[in-house]
N, C-alpha and C. Protein backbone atom coordinates (compact mmCIF):
# COMPACT_ATOMS: atom_id res chain seq x y z
N MET A 1 -31.67 15.24 13.60
CA MET A 1 -31.88 13.93 13.03
C MET A 1 -31.78 13.95 11.51
N GLY A 2 -32.14 15.07 10.90
CA GLY A 2 -32.11 15.16 9.45
C GLY A 2 -30.73 14.90 8.89
N HIS A 3 -29.70 15.41 9.57
CA HIS A 3 -28.33 15.23 9.10
C HIS A 3 -27.93 13.75 9.10
N ILE A 4 -28.30 13.03 10.16
CA ILE A 4 -27.97 11.60 10.23
C ILE A 4 -28.70 10.84 9.13
N ALA A 5 -29.95 11.19 8.88
CA ALA A 5 -30.70 10.54 7.81
C ALA A 5 -30.05 10.81 6.46
N ASP A 6 -29.55 12.03 6.26
CA ASP A 6 -28.85 12.35 5.00
C ASP A 6 -27.62 11.48 4.83
N ILE A 7 -26.85 11.31 5.90
CA ILE A 7 -25.63 10.50 5.84
C ILE A 7 -25.99 9.05 5.54
N ARG A 8 -27.01 8.52 6.22
CA ARG A 8 -27.43 7.14 5.96
C ARG A 8 -27.86 6.98 4.51
N SER A 9 -28.60 7.94 4.02
CA SER A 9 -29.08 7.86 2.63
C SER A 9 -27.90 7.90 1.66
N GLN A 10 -26.90 8.72 1.93
CA GLN A 10 -25.72 8.78 1.05
C GLN A 10 -24.98 7.45 1.09
N ASN A 11 -24.83 6.87 2.27
CA ASN A 11 -24.13 5.59 2.38
C ASN A 11 -24.90 4.47 1.70
N ALA A 12 -26.21 4.51 1.80
CA ALA A 12 -27.03 3.46 1.20
C ALA A 12 -26.95 3.50 -0.32
N THR A 13 -26.75 4.69 -0.88
CA THR A 13 -26.71 4.80 -2.34
C THR A 13 -25.29 4.84 -2.89
N ARG A 14 -24.31 4.74 -2.02
CA ARG A 14 -22.91 4.77 -2.47
C ARG A 14 -22.65 3.56 -3.36
N PRO A 15 -22.06 3.78 -4.54
CA PRO A 15 -21.81 2.65 -5.43
C PRO A 15 -20.76 1.70 -4.86
N ALA A 16 -20.83 0.47 -5.30
CA ALA A 16 -19.82 -0.51 -4.92
C ALA A 16 -18.47 -0.05 -5.47
N VAL A 17 -17.41 -0.64 -4.98
CA VAL A 17 -16.08 -0.30 -5.45
C VAL A 17 -16.02 -0.54 -6.96
N THR A 18 -15.50 0.44 -7.67
CA THR A 18 -15.40 0.31 -9.13
C THR A 18 -14.25 -0.60 -9.50
N VAL A 19 -14.23 -1.03 -10.75
CA VAL A 19 -13.11 -1.84 -11.24
C VAL A 19 -11.83 -1.05 -11.10
N ALA A 20 -11.87 0.24 -11.47
CA ALA A 20 -10.67 1.07 -11.35
C ALA A 20 -10.23 1.15 -9.89
N GLY A 21 -11.17 1.29 -8.97
CA GLY A 21 -10.84 1.34 -7.54
C GLY A 21 -10.23 0.04 -7.07
N ALA A 22 -10.77 -1.07 -7.55
CA ALA A 22 -10.22 -2.38 -7.18
C ALA A 22 -8.81 -2.55 -7.73
N ASP A 23 -8.59 -2.10 -8.97
CA ASP A 23 -7.24 -2.17 -9.55
C ASP A 23 -6.27 -1.30 -8.76
N ARG A 24 -6.70 -0.10 -8.38
CA ARG A 24 -5.83 0.76 -7.56
C ARG A 24 -5.46 0.06 -6.26
N ALA A 25 -6.45 -0.55 -5.62
CA ALA A 25 -6.19 -1.25 -4.36
C ALA A 25 -5.22 -2.40 -4.57
N ARG A 26 -5.39 -3.16 -5.64
CA ARG A 26 -4.49 -4.28 -5.93
C ARG A 26 -3.05 -3.78 -6.11
N ILE A 27 -2.90 -2.68 -6.85
CA ILE A 27 -1.56 -2.14 -7.10
C ILE A 27 -0.93 -1.67 -5.79
N VAL A 28 -1.68 -0.89 -5.02
CA VAL A 28 -1.14 -0.37 -3.76
C VAL A 28 -0.74 -1.51 -2.84
N LEU A 29 -1.63 -2.46 -2.65
CA LEU A 29 -1.32 -3.56 -1.73
C LEU A 29 -0.19 -4.42 -2.25
N ALA A 30 -0.10 -4.62 -3.55
CA ALA A 30 1.02 -5.40 -4.09
C ALA A 30 2.34 -4.72 -3.76
N VAL A 31 2.42 -3.42 -4.00
CA VAL A 31 3.67 -2.69 -3.75
C VAL A 31 4.01 -2.70 -2.26
N VAL A 32 3.02 -2.39 -1.42
CA VAL A 32 3.25 -2.36 0.03
C VAL A 32 3.69 -3.74 0.53
N LEU A 33 3.00 -4.78 0.09
CA LEU A 33 3.31 -6.12 0.61
C LEU A 33 4.59 -6.69 0.02
N ILE A 34 4.93 -6.34 -1.20
CA ILE A 34 6.23 -6.77 -1.74
C ILE A 34 7.35 -6.16 -0.91
N ALA A 35 7.19 -4.91 -0.50
CA ALA A 35 8.22 -4.25 0.30
C ALA A 35 8.40 -4.93 1.65
N LEU A 36 7.30 -5.36 2.27
CA LEU A 36 7.38 -5.93 3.61
C LEU A 36 7.44 -7.45 3.63
N ALA A 37 6.90 -8.09 2.60
CA ALA A 37 6.79 -9.55 2.62
C ALA A 37 6.92 -10.13 1.22
N PRO A 38 8.08 -9.96 0.57
CA PRO A 38 8.21 -10.41 -0.81
C PRO A 38 8.00 -11.92 -0.99
N ASP A 39 8.17 -12.66 0.11
CA ASP A 39 7.95 -14.11 0.05
C ASP A 39 6.53 -14.50 0.44
N GLY A 40 5.68 -13.50 0.71
CA GLY A 40 4.30 -13.76 1.08
C GLY A 40 4.10 -14.04 2.56
N GLN A 41 5.17 -13.94 3.36
CA GLN A 41 5.09 -14.20 4.80
C GLN A 41 5.23 -12.89 5.55
N ILE A 42 4.26 -12.57 6.40
CA ILE A 42 4.31 -11.33 7.17
C ILE A 42 3.87 -11.62 8.59
N ASP A 43 4.54 -11.00 9.55
CA ASP A 43 4.16 -11.21 10.94
C ASP A 43 3.04 -10.24 11.32
N ALA A 44 2.51 -10.42 12.51
CA ALA A 44 1.38 -9.61 12.96
C ALA A 44 1.74 -8.12 13.03
N ALA A 45 2.94 -7.82 13.47
CA ALA A 45 3.36 -6.41 13.56
C ALA A 45 3.44 -5.78 12.16
N GLY A 46 3.96 -6.51 11.21
CA GLY A 46 4.04 -6.01 9.84
C GLY A 46 2.66 -5.79 9.25
N MET A 47 1.75 -6.73 9.49
CA MET A 47 0.39 -6.58 8.97
C MET A 47 -0.31 -5.41 9.63
N ALA A 48 -0.03 -5.19 10.90
CA ALA A 48 -0.62 -4.04 11.60
C ALA A 48 -0.14 -2.73 10.97
N ARG A 49 1.15 -2.67 10.59
CA ARG A 49 1.66 -1.47 9.92
C ARG A 49 0.98 -1.28 8.57
N VAL A 50 0.78 -2.36 7.83
CA VAL A 50 0.09 -2.28 6.54
C VAL A 50 -1.30 -1.70 6.74
N MET A 51 -2.03 -2.25 7.70
CA MET A 51 -3.40 -1.79 7.93
C MET A 51 -3.43 -0.35 8.41
N GLN A 52 -2.46 0.04 9.22
CA GLN A 52 -2.41 1.43 9.70
C GLN A 52 -2.19 2.39 8.53
N VAL A 53 -1.31 2.04 7.63
CA VAL A 53 -1.03 2.89 6.48
C VAL A 53 -2.25 2.94 5.55
N CYS A 54 -2.95 1.84 5.42
CA CYS A 54 -4.11 1.78 4.52
C CYS A 54 -5.33 2.49 5.09
N ARG A 55 -5.43 2.54 6.40
CA ARG A 55 -6.60 3.12 7.04
C ARG A 55 -6.75 4.58 6.63
N GLY A 56 -7.84 4.88 6.02
CA GLY A 56 -8.15 6.26 5.65
C GLY A 56 -7.42 6.77 4.42
N ALA A 57 -6.64 5.93 3.75
CA ALA A 57 -5.92 6.38 2.56
C ALA A 57 -6.92 6.68 1.43
N PRO A 58 -6.91 7.89 0.88
CA PRO A 58 -7.86 8.23 -0.17
C PRO A 58 -7.83 7.27 -1.37
N VAL A 59 -6.67 6.72 -1.66
CA VAL A 59 -6.54 5.80 -2.79
C VAL A 59 -7.36 4.52 -2.58
N LEU A 60 -7.69 4.23 -1.32
CA LEU A 60 -8.46 3.03 -1.01
C LEU A 60 -9.90 3.37 -0.60
N ALA A 61 -10.34 4.57 -0.93
CA ALA A 61 -11.70 4.99 -0.59
C ALA A 61 -12.71 3.98 -1.12
N GLY A 62 -13.68 3.65 -0.29
CA GLY A 62 -14.72 2.72 -0.69
C GLY A 62 -14.42 1.28 -0.33
N ILE A 63 -13.22 1.02 0.18
CA ILE A 63 -12.86 -0.34 0.58
C ILE A 63 -12.67 -0.33 2.09
N ASN A 64 -13.48 -1.10 2.80
CA ASN A 64 -13.37 -1.10 4.25
C ASN A 64 -12.20 -1.96 4.71
N ALA A 65 -11.95 -1.96 6.01
CA ALA A 65 -10.80 -2.69 6.57
C ALA A 65 -10.87 -4.18 6.24
N ALA A 66 -12.06 -4.75 6.30
CA ALA A 66 -12.20 -6.18 5.99
C ALA A 66 -11.84 -6.45 4.53
N GLY A 67 -12.23 -5.54 3.64
CA GLY A 67 -11.88 -5.68 2.23
C GLY A 67 -10.39 -5.56 2.00
N VAL A 68 -9.75 -4.63 2.70
CA VAL A 68 -8.30 -4.48 2.59
C VAL A 68 -7.61 -5.74 3.10
N GLU A 69 -8.07 -6.26 4.23
CA GLU A 69 -7.47 -7.49 4.78
C GLU A 69 -7.64 -8.66 3.82
N GLU A 70 -8.81 -8.77 3.21
CA GLU A 70 -9.06 -9.86 2.26
C GLU A 70 -8.16 -9.74 1.04
N LEU A 71 -8.05 -8.54 0.51
CA LEU A 71 -7.18 -8.33 -0.65
C LEU A 71 -5.71 -8.55 -0.28
N ALA A 72 -5.33 -8.14 0.92
CA ALA A 72 -3.96 -8.38 1.38
C ALA A 72 -3.68 -9.88 1.48
N ALA A 73 -4.63 -10.64 2.00
CA ALA A 73 -4.45 -12.09 2.11
C ALA A 73 -4.29 -12.72 0.73
N LEU A 74 -5.10 -12.28 -0.23
CA LEU A 74 -4.97 -12.80 -1.60
C LEU A 74 -3.60 -12.44 -2.19
N THR A 75 -3.17 -11.21 -1.95
CA THR A 75 -1.88 -10.76 -2.47
C THR A 75 -0.74 -11.57 -1.84
N LEU A 76 -0.82 -11.79 -0.55
CA LEU A 76 0.22 -12.58 0.13
C LEU A 76 0.28 -14.00 -0.41
N ARG A 77 -0.88 -14.59 -0.67
CA ARG A 77 -0.90 -15.94 -1.25
C ARG A 77 -0.26 -15.93 -2.64
N GLY A 78 -0.55 -14.89 -3.41
CA GLY A 78 0.07 -14.77 -4.73
C GLY A 78 1.57 -14.62 -4.65
N LEU A 79 2.03 -13.83 -3.69
CA LEU A 79 3.48 -13.66 -3.51
C LEU A 79 4.13 -14.97 -3.11
N ALA A 80 3.50 -15.71 -2.21
CA ALA A 80 4.06 -16.99 -1.76
C ALA A 80 4.11 -18.00 -2.91
N ALA A 81 3.10 -18.01 -3.73
CA ALA A 81 3.01 -19.01 -4.80
C ALA A 81 3.78 -18.62 -6.05
N ARG A 82 3.81 -17.33 -6.37
CA ARG A 82 4.33 -16.91 -7.68
C ARG A 82 5.51 -15.96 -7.61
N GLY A 83 5.74 -15.33 -6.47
CA GLY A 83 6.84 -14.40 -6.32
C GLY A 83 6.48 -12.99 -6.75
N PRO A 84 7.27 -12.02 -6.28
CA PRO A 84 6.95 -10.62 -6.53
C PRO A 84 6.98 -10.21 -8.01
N ASP A 85 7.91 -10.75 -8.79
CA ASP A 85 8.00 -10.35 -10.19
C ASP A 85 6.73 -10.69 -10.96
N ARG A 86 6.19 -11.88 -10.72
CA ARG A 86 4.97 -12.29 -11.43
C ARG A 86 3.76 -11.54 -10.93
N VAL A 87 3.72 -11.23 -9.64
CA VAL A 87 2.60 -10.44 -9.11
C VAL A 87 2.62 -9.05 -9.74
N LEU A 88 3.79 -8.44 -9.82
CA LEU A 88 3.90 -7.13 -10.46
C LEU A 88 3.58 -7.20 -11.94
N ALA A 89 3.99 -8.26 -12.60
CA ALA A 89 3.71 -8.41 -14.03
C ALA A 89 2.20 -8.44 -14.29
N ASP A 90 1.45 -9.04 -13.39
CA ASP A 90 -0.01 -9.08 -13.54
C ASP A 90 -0.63 -7.68 -13.53
N LEU A 91 0.06 -6.74 -12.89
CA LEU A 91 -0.49 -5.40 -12.73
C LEU A 91 0.10 -4.40 -13.74
N ARG A 92 1.00 -4.88 -14.57
CA ARG A 92 1.66 -4.01 -15.54
C ARG A 92 0.61 -3.31 -16.41
N GLY A 93 0.81 -2.04 -16.62
CA GLY A 93 -0.08 -1.27 -17.48
C GLY A 93 -1.29 -0.70 -16.76
N LEU A 94 -1.51 -1.07 -15.50
CA LEU A 94 -2.67 -0.56 -14.77
C LEU A 94 -2.36 0.69 -13.97
N SER A 95 -1.08 1.00 -13.78
CA SER A 95 -0.71 2.09 -12.90
C SER A 95 -0.36 3.36 -13.68
N THR A 96 -0.56 4.48 -13.03
CA THR A 96 -0.13 5.78 -13.54
C THR A 96 1.05 6.23 -12.69
N ARG A 97 1.69 7.30 -13.09
CA ARG A 97 2.80 7.84 -12.29
C ARG A 97 2.31 8.21 -10.89
N ALA A 98 1.16 8.88 -10.82
CA ALA A 98 0.63 9.30 -9.52
C ALA A 98 0.32 8.10 -8.63
N LEU A 99 -0.28 7.07 -9.20
CA LEU A 99 -0.60 5.88 -8.41
C LEU A 99 0.66 5.16 -7.97
N SER A 100 1.66 5.10 -8.84
CA SER A 100 2.93 4.47 -8.47
C SER A 100 3.58 5.23 -7.31
N GLU A 101 3.54 6.55 -7.37
CA GLU A 101 4.10 7.36 -6.28
C GLU A 101 3.36 7.10 -4.98
N THR A 102 2.03 7.07 -5.05
CA THR A 102 1.24 6.84 -3.85
C THR A 102 1.53 5.46 -3.27
N ALA A 103 1.56 4.45 -4.12
CA ALA A 103 1.81 3.08 -3.66
C ALA A 103 3.18 2.99 -3.00
N LEU A 104 4.20 3.57 -3.62
CA LEU A 104 5.55 3.48 -3.05
C LEU A 104 5.64 4.29 -1.76
N ALA A 105 4.98 5.44 -1.70
CA ALA A 105 4.99 6.23 -0.47
C ALA A 105 4.35 5.45 0.68
N MET A 106 3.25 4.76 0.38
CA MET A 106 2.61 3.94 1.41
C MET A 106 3.51 2.79 1.82
N ALA A 107 4.23 2.21 0.87
CA ALA A 107 5.15 1.12 1.19
C ALA A 107 6.29 1.60 2.07
N VAL A 108 6.85 2.77 1.75
CA VAL A 108 7.94 3.30 2.57
C VAL A 108 7.44 3.59 3.98
N ARG A 109 6.26 4.19 4.07
CA ARG A 109 5.71 4.49 5.39
C ARG A 109 5.50 3.20 6.20
N ALA A 110 4.98 2.17 5.57
CA ALA A 110 4.76 0.90 6.27
C ALA A 110 6.07 0.22 6.65
N ALA A 111 7.13 0.51 5.90
CA ALA A 111 8.43 -0.14 6.14
C ALA A 111 9.17 0.41 7.35
N PHE A 112 8.82 1.62 7.80
CA PHE A 112 9.51 2.20 8.95
C PHE A 112 9.19 1.42 10.21
N VAL A 113 10.25 1.00 10.89
CA VAL A 113 10.14 0.30 12.18
C VAL A 113 11.06 1.04 13.14
N ALA A 114 10.50 1.53 14.22
CA ALA A 114 11.29 2.26 15.22
C ALA A 114 12.10 3.39 14.57
N GLY A 115 11.48 4.08 13.64
CA GLY A 115 12.10 5.25 13.04
C GLY A 115 13.09 5.00 11.93
N ARG A 116 13.21 3.76 11.48
CA ARG A 116 14.14 3.47 10.38
C ARG A 116 13.59 2.35 9.51
N VAL A 117 14.14 2.28 8.31
CA VAL A 117 13.78 1.21 7.38
C VAL A 117 14.92 0.19 7.39
N PRO A 118 14.62 -1.07 7.66
CA PRO A 118 15.68 -2.09 7.64
C PRO A 118 16.38 -2.10 6.27
N PRO A 119 17.71 -2.32 6.26
CA PRO A 119 18.46 -2.25 5.00
C PRO A 119 17.94 -3.16 3.89
N ASP A 120 17.53 -4.39 4.23
CA ASP A 120 17.03 -5.28 3.19
C ASP A 120 15.73 -4.74 2.58
N THR A 121 14.90 -4.14 3.41
CA THR A 121 13.65 -3.55 2.92
C THR A 121 13.94 -2.32 2.07
N ALA A 122 14.93 -1.54 2.46
CA ALA A 122 15.31 -0.36 1.66
C ALA A 122 15.74 -0.79 0.26
N GLY A 123 16.46 -1.91 0.16
CA GLY A 123 16.87 -2.42 -1.14
C GLY A 123 15.67 -2.84 -1.98
N ILE A 124 14.69 -3.48 -1.35
CA ILE A 124 13.47 -3.88 -2.06
C ILE A 124 12.73 -2.64 -2.55
N LEU A 125 12.65 -1.62 -1.70
CA LEU A 125 11.97 -0.38 -2.08
C LEU A 125 12.67 0.28 -3.27
N GLY A 126 14.00 0.24 -3.29
CA GLY A 126 14.75 0.78 -4.43
C GLY A 126 14.41 0.03 -5.72
N GLY A 127 14.33 -1.30 -5.62
CA GLY A 127 13.95 -2.09 -6.79
C GLY A 127 12.54 -1.80 -7.25
N LEU A 128 11.63 -1.61 -6.30
CA LEU A 128 10.25 -1.27 -6.65
C LEU A 128 10.19 0.09 -7.35
N ALA A 129 10.96 1.06 -6.85
CA ALA A 129 10.98 2.38 -7.48
C ALA A 129 11.44 2.26 -8.93
N THR A 130 12.48 1.49 -9.16
CA THR A 130 12.98 1.29 -10.52
C THR A 130 11.91 0.64 -11.38
N HIS A 131 11.29 -0.42 -10.85
CA HIS A 131 10.25 -1.13 -11.60
C HIS A 131 9.09 -0.20 -11.95
N LEU A 132 8.75 0.70 -11.03
CA LEU A 132 7.64 1.62 -11.24
C LEU A 132 8.02 2.85 -12.06
N GLY A 133 9.31 2.95 -12.41
CA GLY A 133 9.76 4.08 -13.22
C GLY A 133 9.93 5.37 -12.42
N LEU A 134 10.15 5.24 -11.13
CA LEU A 134 10.32 6.42 -10.28
C LEU A 134 11.81 6.66 -10.03
N PRO A 135 12.25 7.90 -10.15
CA PRO A 135 13.68 8.21 -10.02
C PRO A 135 14.20 7.97 -8.60
N ALA A 136 15.45 7.60 -8.53
CA ALA A 136 16.10 7.37 -7.24
C ALA A 136 16.05 8.61 -6.36
N ALA A 137 16.20 9.79 -6.97
CA ALA A 137 16.15 11.03 -6.20
C ALA A 137 14.79 11.23 -5.55
N TRP A 138 13.73 10.84 -6.24
CA TRP A 138 12.39 10.95 -5.67
C TRP A 138 12.27 10.05 -4.45
N LEU A 139 12.77 8.82 -4.56
CA LEU A 139 12.73 7.89 -3.44
C LEU A 139 13.57 8.41 -2.27
N SER A 140 14.72 8.97 -2.56
CA SER A 140 15.57 9.52 -1.51
C SER A 140 14.85 10.65 -0.76
N ASP A 141 14.19 11.52 -1.50
CA ASP A 141 13.43 12.61 -0.87
C ASP A 141 12.30 12.04 -0.02
N LEU A 142 11.65 11.01 -0.52
CA LEU A 142 10.57 10.37 0.22
C LEU A 142 11.07 9.79 1.54
N PHE A 143 12.23 9.13 1.51
CA PHE A 143 12.81 8.59 2.74
C PHE A 143 13.06 9.71 3.75
N GLU A 144 13.56 10.85 3.28
CA GLU A 144 13.83 11.96 4.20
C GLU A 144 12.56 12.49 4.84
N VAL A 145 11.53 12.71 4.03
CA VAL A 145 10.28 13.26 4.55
C VAL A 145 9.62 12.27 5.51
N LEU A 146 9.46 11.03 5.07
CA LEU A 146 8.80 10.05 5.94
C LEU A 146 9.65 9.71 7.15
N GLY A 147 10.97 9.78 7.00
CA GLY A 147 11.84 9.57 8.15
C GLY A 147 11.60 10.62 9.23
N ALA A 148 11.38 11.85 8.80
CA ALA A 148 11.08 12.92 9.78
C ALA A 148 9.74 12.67 10.45
N LEU A 149 8.77 12.19 9.69
CA LEU A 149 7.44 11.93 10.25
C LEU A 149 7.42 10.71 11.18
N GLU A 150 8.21 9.71 10.85
CA GLU A 150 8.19 8.45 11.60
C GLU A 150 9.24 8.36 12.69
N ARG A 151 10.01 9.42 12.88
CA ARG A 151 11.08 9.40 13.89
C ARG A 151 10.47 9.27 15.27
N PRO A 152 11.01 8.38 16.07
CA PRO A 152 10.48 8.22 17.44
C PRO A 152 11.00 9.33 18.37
N PHE A 153 10.15 9.76 19.25
CA PHE A 153 10.53 10.73 20.27
C PHE A 153 10.27 10.07 21.62
N ASP A 154 11.35 9.74 22.29
CA ASP A 154 11.20 9.05 23.60
C ASP A 154 11.14 10.04 24.72
């Protein structure tokens, strides 16, 4: 019982999500959702992929599934009302190279459907990589690695 009490005590004293953590979450979700829903419209299957990729991601530590869903809904409304360029402009200067890589990797992973990335989504991902200052070769390598991981085996 002592171990369970220790865990409860740690959870009870865990700090709320920090501003930096909230900014990281905003950046990650903006990149992922721009890749899948640049117009702010996403179907249930697409949202399920977003949530699957976000589940357990260290970059989103401290934000539960309901918080991710709420932030995703806000991001989607922003995309629908203002478009991807303005949503990204709001986040300019908040990202690091490592965070940009993580966000784009999560977006690529969420973009895979039946073992492939639809061509229009691949084009959006290329534009996001450029916007984030990530080299095309890095994105190409990422597609290869995630393609191997997401390949279907029937």
